[in-house]
Each structure stands twice: as structure tokens, then as C-alpha cells.
All heavy atoms as atom14 arrays in JSON, in Angstrom:
{
  "sequence": "LGTLLEIMALICGMPVCTQYHFGDFCARMIDRMKHF",
  "atom14_mask": [
    [1, 1, 1, 1, 1, 1, 1, 1, 0, 0, 0, 0, 0, 0],
    [1, 1, 1, 1, 0, 0, 0, 0, 0, 0, 0, 0, 0, 0],
    [1, 1, 1, 1, 1, 1, 1, 0, 0, 0, 0, 0, 0, 0],
    [1, 1, 1, 1, 1, 1, 1, 1, 0, 0, 0, 0, 0, 0],
    [1, 1, 1, 1, 1, 1, 1, 1, 0, 0, 0, 0, 0, 0],
    [1, 1, 1, 1, 1, 1, 1, 1, 1, 0, 0, 0, 0, 0],
    [1, 1, 1, 1, 1, 1, 1, 1, 0, 0, 0, 0, 0, 0],
    [1, 1, 1, 1, 1, 1, 1, 1, 0, 0, 0, 0, 0, 0],
    [1, 1, 1, 1, 1, 0, 0, 0, 0, 0, 0, 0, 0, 0],
    [1, 1, 1, 1, 1, 1, 1, 1, 0, 0, 0, 0, 0, 0],
    [1, 1, 1, 1, 1, 1, 1, 1, 0, 0, 0, 0, 0, 0],
    [1, 1, 1, 1, 1, 1, 0, 0, 0, 0, 0, 0, 0, 0],
    [1, 1, 1, 1, 0, 0, 0, 0, 0, 0, 0, 0, 0, 0],
    [1, 1, 1, 1, 1, 1, 1, 1, 0, 0, 0, 0, 0, 0],
    [1, 1, 1, 1, 1, 1, 1, 0, 0, 0, 0, 0, 0, 0],
    [1, 1, 1, 1, 1, 1, 1, 0, 0, 0, 0, 0, 0, 0],
    [1, 1, 1, 1, 1, 1, 0, 0, 0, 0, 0, 0, 0, 0],
    [1, 1, 1, 1, 1, 1, 1, 0, 0, 0, 0, 0, 0, 0],
    [1, 1, 1, 1, 1, 1, 1, 1, 1, 0, 0, 0, 0, 0],
    [1, 1, 1, 1, 1, 1, 1, 1, 1, 1, 1, 1, 0, 0],
    [1, 1, 1, 1, 1, 1, 1, 1, 1, 1, 0, 0, 0, 0],
    [1, 1, 1, 1, 1, 1, 1, 1, 1, 1, 1, 0, 0, 0],
    [1, 1, 1, 1, 0, 0, 0, 0, 0, 0, 0, 0, 0, 0],
    [1, 1, 1, 1, 1, 1, 1, 1, 0, 0, 0, 0, 0, 0],
    [1, 1, 1, 1, 1, 1, 1, 1, 1, 1, 1, 0, 0, 0],
    [1, 1, 1, 1, 1, 1, 0, 0, 0, 0, 0, 0, 0, 0],
    [1, 1, 1, 1, 1, 0, 0, 0, 0, 0, 0, 0, 0, 0],
    [1, 1, 1, 1, 1, 1, 1, 1, 1, 1, 1, 0, 0, 0],
    [1, 1, 1, 1, 1, 1, 1, 1, 0, 0, 0, 0, 0, 0],
    [1, 1, 1, 1, 1, 1, 1, 1, 0, 0, 0, 0, 0, 0],
    [1, 1, 1, 1, 1, 1, 1, 1, 0, 0, 0, 0, 0, 0],
    [1, 1, 1, 1, 1, 1, 1, 1, 1, 1, 1, 0, 0, 0],
    [1, 1, 1, 1, 1, 1, 1, 1, 0, 0, 0, 0, 0, 0],
    [1, 1, 1, 1, 1, 1, 1, 1, 1, 0, 0, 0, 0, 0],
    [1, 1, 1, 1, 1, 1, 1, 1, 1, 1, 0, 0, 0, 0],
    [1, 1, 1, 1, 1, 1, 1, 1, 1, 1, 1, 0, 0, 0]
  ],
  "atom14_positions": [
    [[33.48, 8.5, -13.09], [34.57, 8.15, -14.04], [34.01, 8.19, -15.55], [34.91, 8.27, -16.39], [35.09, 6.75, -13.65], [35.93, 6.76, -12.31], [36.34, 5.32, -11.96], [37.11, 7.51, -12.56], [0.0, 0.0, 0.0], [0.0, 0.0, 0.0], [0.0, 0.0, 0.0], [0.0, 0.0, 0.0], [0.0, 0.0, 0.0], [0.0, 0.0, 0.0]],
    [[32.73, 8.12, -15.56], [32.18, 8.33, -16.88], [32.51, 9.6, -17.55], [32.69, 9.72, -18.81], [0.0, 0.0, 0.0], [0.0, 0.0, 0.0], [0.0, 0.0, 0.0], [0.0, 0.0, 0.0], [0.0, 0.0, 0.0], [0.0, 0.0, 0.0], [0.0, 0.0, 0.0], [0.0, 0.0, 0.0], [0.0, 0.0, 0.0], [0.0, 0.0, 0.0]],
    [[32.73, 10.66, -16.74], [33.18, 11.84, -17.25], [34.58, 11.85, -17.74], [34.89, 12.6, -18.76], [33.04, 13.07, -16.23], [33.91, 12.75, -15.05], [31.6, 13.11, -15.62], [0.0, 0.0, 0.0], [0.0, 0.0, 0.0], [0.0, 0.0, 0.0], [0.0, 0.0, 0.0], [0.0, 0.0, 0.0], [0.0, 0.0, 0.0], [0.0, 0.0, 0.0]],
    [[35.36, 11.0, -17.28], [36.71, 10.79, -17.93], [36.61, 10.1, -19.25], [37.25, 10.66, -20.24], [37.45, 9.82, -16.97], [38.96, 9.65, -17.39], [39.79, 10.94, -17.56], [39.66, 8.68, -16.43], [0.0, 0.0, 0.0], [0.0, 0.0, 0.0], [0.0, 0.0, 0.0], [0.0, 0.0, 0.0], [0.0, 0.0, 0.0], [0.0, 0.0, 0.0]],
    [[35.63, 9.32, -19.55], [35.51, 8.78, -20.76], [34.97, 9.77, -21.81], [35.38, 9.8, -22.94], [34.54, 7.62, -20.81], [34.79, 6.35, -20.02], [33.78, 5.18, -20.27], [36.2, 5.78, -20.5], [0.0, 0.0, 0.0], [0.0, 0.0, 0.0], [0.0, 0.0, 0.0], [0.0, 0.0, 0.0], [0.0, 0.0, 0.0], [0.0, 0.0, 0.0]],
    [[34.13, 10.62, -21.33], [33.59, 11.71, -22.14], [34.79, 12.68, -22.57], [34.75, 13.17, -23.63], [32.42, 12.5, -21.46], [31.25, 11.63, -21.28], [30.1, 12.49, -20.83], [30.17, 13.74, -20.98], [28.99, 11.88, -20.4], [0.0, 0.0, 0.0], [0.0, 0.0, 0.0], [0.0, 0.0, 0.0], [0.0, 0.0, 0.0], [0.0, 0.0, 0.0]],
    [[35.66, 13.01, -21.58], [36.75, 13.89, -21.93], [37.71, 13.18, -22.99], [38.13, 13.94, -23.94], [37.61, 14.1, -20.69], [36.87, 15.08, -19.8], [38.99, 14.65, -20.97], [37.49, 15.3, -18.35], [0.0, 0.0, 0.0], [0.0, 0.0, 0.0], [0.0, 0.0, 0.0], [0.0, 0.0, 0.0], [0.0, 0.0, 0.0], [0.0, 0.0, 0.0]],
    [[37.8, 11.88, -22.94], [38.51, 11.21, -24.08], [37.88, 11.32, -25.26], [38.51, 11.41, -26.39], [38.67, 9.86, -23.67], [39.59, 9.56, -22.39], [39.44, 7.83, -21.73], [40.03, 6.97, -23.23], [0.0, 0.0, 0.0], [0.0, 0.0, 0.0], [0.0, 0.0, 0.0], [0.0, 0.0, 0.0], [0.0, 0.0, 0.0], [0.0, 0.0, 0.0]],
    [[36.46, 11.31, -25.25], [35.65, 11.51, -26.55], [36.03, 12.88, -27.07], [35.9, 13.04, -28.23], [34.28, 11.3, -26.25], [0.0, 0.0, 0.0], [0.0, 0.0, 0.0], [0.0, 0.0, 0.0], [0.0, 0.0, 0.0], [0.0, 0.0, 0.0], [0.0, 0.0, 0.0], [0.0, 0.0, 0.0], [0.0, 0.0, 0.0], [0.0, 0.0, 0.0]],
    [[36.06, 13.84, -26.17], [36.34, 15.14, -26.71], [37.73, 15.24, -27.33], [38.03, 15.83, -28.42], [36.3, 16.27, -25.45], [35.0, 16.63, -24.88], [35.11, 17.34, -23.65], [34.12, 17.25, -26.01], [0.0, 0.0, 0.0], [0.0, 0.0, 0.0], [0.0, 0.0, 0.0], [0.0, 0.0, 0.0], [0.0, 0.0, 0.0], [0.0, 0.0, 0.0]],
    [[38.7, 14.56, -26.79], [40.15, 14.46, -27.36], [39.96, 13.79, -28.64], [40.69, 14.28, -29.66], [41.03, 13.67, -26.45], [41.12, 14.38, -25.14], [42.35, 13.47, -27.02], [41.94, 13.44, -23.98], [0.0, 0.0, 0.0], [0.0, 0.0, 0.0], [0.0, 0.0, 0.0], [0.0, 0.0, 0.0], [0.0, 0.0, 0.0], [0.0, 0.0, 0.0]],
    [[39.09, 12.92, -28.87], [38.97, 12.11, -30.16], [38.15, 12.96, -31.14], [38.14, 12.56, -32.31], [38.25, 10.81, -29.86], [39.07, 9.57, -28.92], [0.0, 0.0, 0.0], [0.0, 0.0, 0.0], [0.0, 0.0, 0.0], [0.0, 0.0, 0.0], [0.0, 0.0, 0.0], [0.0, 0.0, 0.0], [0.0, 0.0, 0.0], [0.0, 0.0, 0.0]],
    [[37.61, 14.14, -30.82], [36.82, 14.83, -31.76], [35.51, 14.24, -31.97], [34.93, 14.58, -33.07], [0.0, 0.0, 0.0], [0.0, 0.0, 0.0], [0.0, 0.0, 0.0], [0.0, 0.0, 0.0], [0.0, 0.0, 0.0], [0.0, 0.0, 0.0], [0.0, 0.0, 0.0], [0.0, 0.0, 0.0], [0.0, 0.0, 0.0], [0.0, 0.0, 0.0]],
    [[34.87, 13.5, -31.09], [33.58, 12.83, -31.39], [32.5, 13.94, -31.13], [32.62, 14.78, -30.17], [33.22, 11.76, -30.49], [34.18, 10.53, -30.84], [33.89, 9.14, -29.74], [32.15, 8.77, -29.92], [0.0, 0.0, 0.0], [0.0, 0.0, 0.0], [0.0, 0.0, 0.0], [0.0, 0.0, 0.0], [0.0, 0.0, 0.0], [0.0, 0.0, 0.0]],
    [[31.52, 14.09, -32.07], [30.54, 15.05, -31.98], [29.68, 14.91, -30.72], [29.3, 13.84, -30.17], [29.54, 14.79, -33.26], [30.41, 13.94, -34.18], [31.38, 13.15, -33.27], [0.0, 0.0, 0.0], [0.0, 0.0, 0.0], [0.0, 0.0, 0.0], [0.0, 0.0, 0.0], [0.0, 0.0, 0.0], [0.0, 0.0, 0.0], [0.0, 0.0, 0.0]],
    [[29.31, 16.05, -30.03], [28.64, 16.08, -28.8], [27.06, 16.05, -29.04], [26.4, 15.45, -28.26], [28.93, 17.37, -27.97], [28.1, 17.48, -26.74], [30.47, 17.39, -27.56], [0.0, 0.0, 0.0], [0.0, 0.0, 0.0], [0.0, 0.0, 0.0], [0.0, 0.0, 0.0], [0.0, 0.0, 0.0], [0.0, 0.0, 0.0], [0.0, 0.0, 0.0]],
    [[26.71, 16.71, -30.09], [25.14, 16.87, -30.32], [24.66, 15.52, -31.03], [23.93, 15.65, -32.0], [24.89, 18.15, -31.07], [25.14, 19.59, -30.22], [0.0, 0.0, 0.0], [0.0, 0.0, 0.0], [0.0, 0.0, 0.0], [0.0, 0.0, 0.0], [0.0, 0.0, 0.0], [0.0, 0.0, 0.0], [0.0, 0.0, 0.0], [0.0, 0.0, 0.0]],
    [[24.95, 14.36, -30.51], [24.46, 13.14, -30.95], [24.11, 12.31, -29.74], [24.76, 12.34, -28.73], [25.52, 12.44, -31.8], [25.83, 13.32, -32.94], [24.97, 11.04, -32.17], [0.0, 0.0, 0.0], [0.0, 0.0, 0.0], [0.0, 0.0, 0.0], [0.0, 0.0, 0.0], [0.0, 0.0, 0.0], [0.0, 0.0, 0.0], [0.0, 0.0, 0.0]],
    [[23.03, 11.54, -29.86], [22.68, 10.63, -28.8], [23.14, 9.29, -29.11], [23.01, 8.76, -30.28], [21.21, 10.53, -28.53], [20.71, 9.7, -27.27], [19.37, 9.96, -26.87], [18.49, 10.45, -27.68], [18.93, 9.5, -25.65], [0.0, 0.0, 0.0], [0.0, 0.0, 0.0], [0.0, 0.0, 0.0], [0.0, 0.0, 0.0], [0.0, 0.0, 0.0]],
    [[24.08, 8.68, -28.28], [24.78, 7.44, -28.51], [24.22, 6.3, -27.64], [23.92, 6.48, -26.46], [26.39, 7.63, -28.18], [27.01, 8.63, -29.05], [27.13, 9.84, -28.5], [27.8, 8.24, -30.18], [27.82, 10.91, -29.22], [28.44, 9.23, -30.9], [28.48, 10.45, -30.32], [29.22, 11.49, -31.09], [0.0, 0.0, 0.0], [0.0, 0.0, 0.0]],
    [[24.45, 5.14, -28.18], [24.33, 4.04, -27.31], [25.62, 3.74, -26.65], [26.64, 3.95, -27.45], [23.99, 2.69, -28.1], [22.47, 2.53, -28.38], [21.5, 2.38, -27.35], [21.69, 2.74, -29.44], [20.33, 2.4, -27.84], [20.32, 2.55, -29.13], [0.0, 0.0, 0.0], [0.0, 0.0, 0.0], [0.0, 0.0, 0.0], [0.0, 0.0, 0.0]],
    [[25.72, 3.44, -25.34], [27.08, 3.6, -24.66], [28.07, 2.59, -25.29], [29.27, 2.9, -25.37], [26.76, 3.28, -23.28], [28.15, 3.38, -22.39], [28.6, 4.61, -22.11], [28.79, 2.26, -21.8], [29.69, 4.87, -21.34], [29.81, 2.5, -21.11], [30.35, 3.71, -20.79], [0.0, 0.0, 0.0], [0.0, 0.0, 0.0], [0.0, 0.0, 0.0]],
    [[27.75, 1.48, -25.56], [28.64, 0.43, -26.2], [29.17, 0.96, -27.54], [30.43, 0.84, -27.78], [0.0, 0.0, 0.0], [0.0, 0.0, 0.0], [0.0, 0.0, 0.0], [0.0, 0.0, 0.0], [0.0, 0.0, 0.0], [0.0, 0.0, 0.0], [0.0, 0.0, 0.0], [0.0, 0.0, 0.0], [0.0, 0.0, 0.0], [0.0, 0.0, 0.0]],
    [[28.41, 1.52, -28.35], [28.88, 2.02, -29.68], [29.68, 3.26, -29.38], [30.67, 3.44, -30.09], [27.66, 2.41, -30.46], [28.01, 2.95, -31.84], [28.77, 2.23, -32.56], [27.51, 3.99, -32.27], [0.0, 0.0, 0.0], [0.0, 0.0, 0.0], [0.0, 0.0, 0.0], [0.0, 0.0, 0.0], [0.0, 0.0, 0.0], [0.0, 0.0, 0.0]],
    [[29.36, 4.08, -28.49], [30.26, 5.24, -28.06], [31.56, 4.81, -27.73], [32.62, 5.43, -28.21], [29.61, 5.92, -26.87], [30.37, 7.1, -26.24], [30.36, 8.3, -26.85], [31.02, 6.78, -25.02], [31.04, 9.37, -26.18], [31.71, 7.84, -24.45], [31.69, 9.17, -25.1], [0.0, 0.0, 0.0], [0.0, 0.0, 0.0], [0.0, 0.0, 0.0]],
    [[31.83, 3.85, -26.91], [33.13, 3.27, -26.49], [33.89, 2.68, -27.58], [34.93, 2.93, -27.82], [32.98, 2.3, -25.33], [32.33, 2.99, -23.79], [0.0, 0.0, 0.0], [0.0, 0.0, 0.0], [0.0, 0.0, 0.0], [0.0, 0.0, 0.0], [0.0, 0.0, 0.0], [0.0, 0.0, 0.0], [0.0, 0.0, 0.0], [0.0, 0.0, 0.0]],
    [[33.08, 1.96, -28.48], [33.76, 1.31, -29.57], [34.32, 2.29, -30.62], [35.51, 2.25, -31.11], [32.84, 0.35, -30.36], [0.0, 0.0, 0.0], [0.0, 0.0, 0.0], [0.0, 0.0, 0.0], [0.0, 0.0, 0.0], [0.0, 0.0, 0.0], [0.0, 0.0, 0.0], [0.0, 0.0, 0.0], [0.0, 0.0, 0.0], [0.0, 0.0, 0.0]],
    [[33.54, 3.38, -30.91], [33.98, 4.4, -31.8], [35.22, 5.16, -31.16], [36.2, 5.49, -31.83], [32.8, 5.43, -32.0], [31.67, 4.93, -32.7], [30.75, 6.07, -33.1], [29.44, 5.61, -33.58], [28.57, 6.41, -33.99], [28.8, 7.78, -34.2], [27.38, 5.83, -34.41], [0.0, 0.0, 0.0], [0.0, 0.0, 0.0], [0.0, 0.0, 0.0]],
    [[35.22, 5.34, -29.84], [36.29, 6.02, -29.21], [37.59, 5.28, -29.32], [38.58, 5.77, -29.58], [35.93, 6.35, -27.77], [36.89, 7.32, -27.11], [36.19, 8.0, -25.56], [35.03, 6.79, -24.96], [0.0, 0.0, 0.0], [0.0, 0.0, 0.0], [0.0, 0.0, 0.0], [0.0, 0.0, 0.0], [0.0, 0.0, 0.0], [0.0, 0.0, 0.0]],
    [[37.54, 3.99, -28.95], [38.69, 3.11, -29.17], [39.21, 3.05, -30.55], [40.43, 3.18, -30.74], [38.37, 1.68, -28.69], [38.06, 1.59, -27.23], [39.46, 0.7, -29.09], [39.19, 1.71, -26.26], [0.0, 0.0, 0.0], [0.0, 0.0, 0.0], [0.0, 0.0, 0.0], [0.0, 0.0, 0.0], [0.0, 0.0, 0.0], [0.0, 0.0, 0.0]],
    [[38.37, 3.07, -31.48], [38.91, 3.05, -32.98], [39.46, 4.41, -33.31], [40.55, 4.25, -33.95], [37.68, 2.83, -33.89], [38.02, 2.75, -35.35], [38.76, 1.77, -35.65], [37.47, 3.59, -36.12], [0.0, 0.0, 0.0], [0.0, 0.0, 0.0], [0.0, 0.0, 0.0], [0.0, 0.0, 0.0], [0.0, 0.0, 0.0], [0.0, 0.0, 0.0]],
    [[38.93, 5.45, -32.86], [39.66, 6.66, -33.14], [40.95, 6.83, -32.4], [42.01, 7.34, -32.84], [38.79, 7.87, -32.56], [37.63, 8.14, -33.58], [36.59, 9.15, -33.04], [35.55, 9.33, -34.05], [35.38, 10.56, -34.68], [36.17, 11.48, -34.56], [34.48, 10.63, -35.6], [0.0, 0.0, 0.0], [0.0, 0.0, 0.0], [0.0, 0.0, 0.0]],
    [[41.07, 6.29, -31.08], [42.26, 6.35, -30.44], [43.52, 5.47, -31.01], [44.73, 5.86, -30.85], [42.11, 5.82, -28.91], [41.39, 6.82, -28.08], [41.31, 6.45, -26.4], [39.7, 6.21, -26.05], [0.0, 0.0, 0.0], [0.0, 0.0, 0.0], [0.0, 0.0, 0.0], [0.0, 0.0, 0.0], [0.0, 0.0, 0.0], [0.0, 0.0, 0.0]],
    [[43.04, 4.49, -31.61], [44.1, 3.75, -32.4], [44.79, 4.51, -33.53], [45.91, 4.09, -33.87], [43.36, 2.47, -33.03], [42.89, 1.48, -31.91], [42.25, 0.21, -32.7], [41.7, -0.74, -31.69], [40.91, -1.81, -32.42], [0.0, 0.0, 0.0], [0.0, 0.0, 0.0], [0.0, 0.0, 0.0], [0.0, 0.0, 0.0], [0.0, 0.0, 0.0]],
    [[44.29, 5.64, -33.86], [44.88, 6.53, -34.86], [45.63, 7.8, -34.28], [45.97, 8.61, -35.03], [43.83, 6.87, -36.03], [43.33, 5.74, -36.66], [43.82, 5.2, -37.74], [42.16, 4.94, -36.33], [43.08, 4.06, -38.19], [42.1, 3.99, -37.34], [0.0, 0.0, 0.0], [0.0, 0.0, 0.0], [0.0, 0.0, 0.0], [0.0, 0.0, 0.0]],
    [[45.68, 7.85, -33.0], [46.22, 8.99, -32.28], [47.62, 9.21, -32.83], [48.12, 10.41, -32.82], [46.23, 8.74, -30.85], [45.07, 9.24, -30.11], [43.89, 9.61, -30.84], [45.07, 9.45, -28.72], [42.74, 10.03, -30.2], [43.92, 9.97, -28.13], [42.8, 10.25, -28.73], [0.0, 0.0, 0.0], [0.0, 0.0, 0.0], [0.0, 0.0, 0.0]]
  ]
}
């Protein structure tokens, strides 16, 4: 199901060529989704 989160990150336009801490990754994604 982690791949589903990654797909959402692609929808959010989050850069792929970055190494993330998972918690920060999710927080950034939620923030971006609030502006959908």
C-alpha cells in the first residue's frame, strides 16, 4: 500500500530524485493535497 502513497505523491508533483524521511514525506503530501 506504500506504492499507493507514492502514486499520490506523483499526483502532488513531489520530486522523485530526493531521499525523504517518511514522516516528512507524508506531511508534505498532505499539505499539497489541501491545495488540490
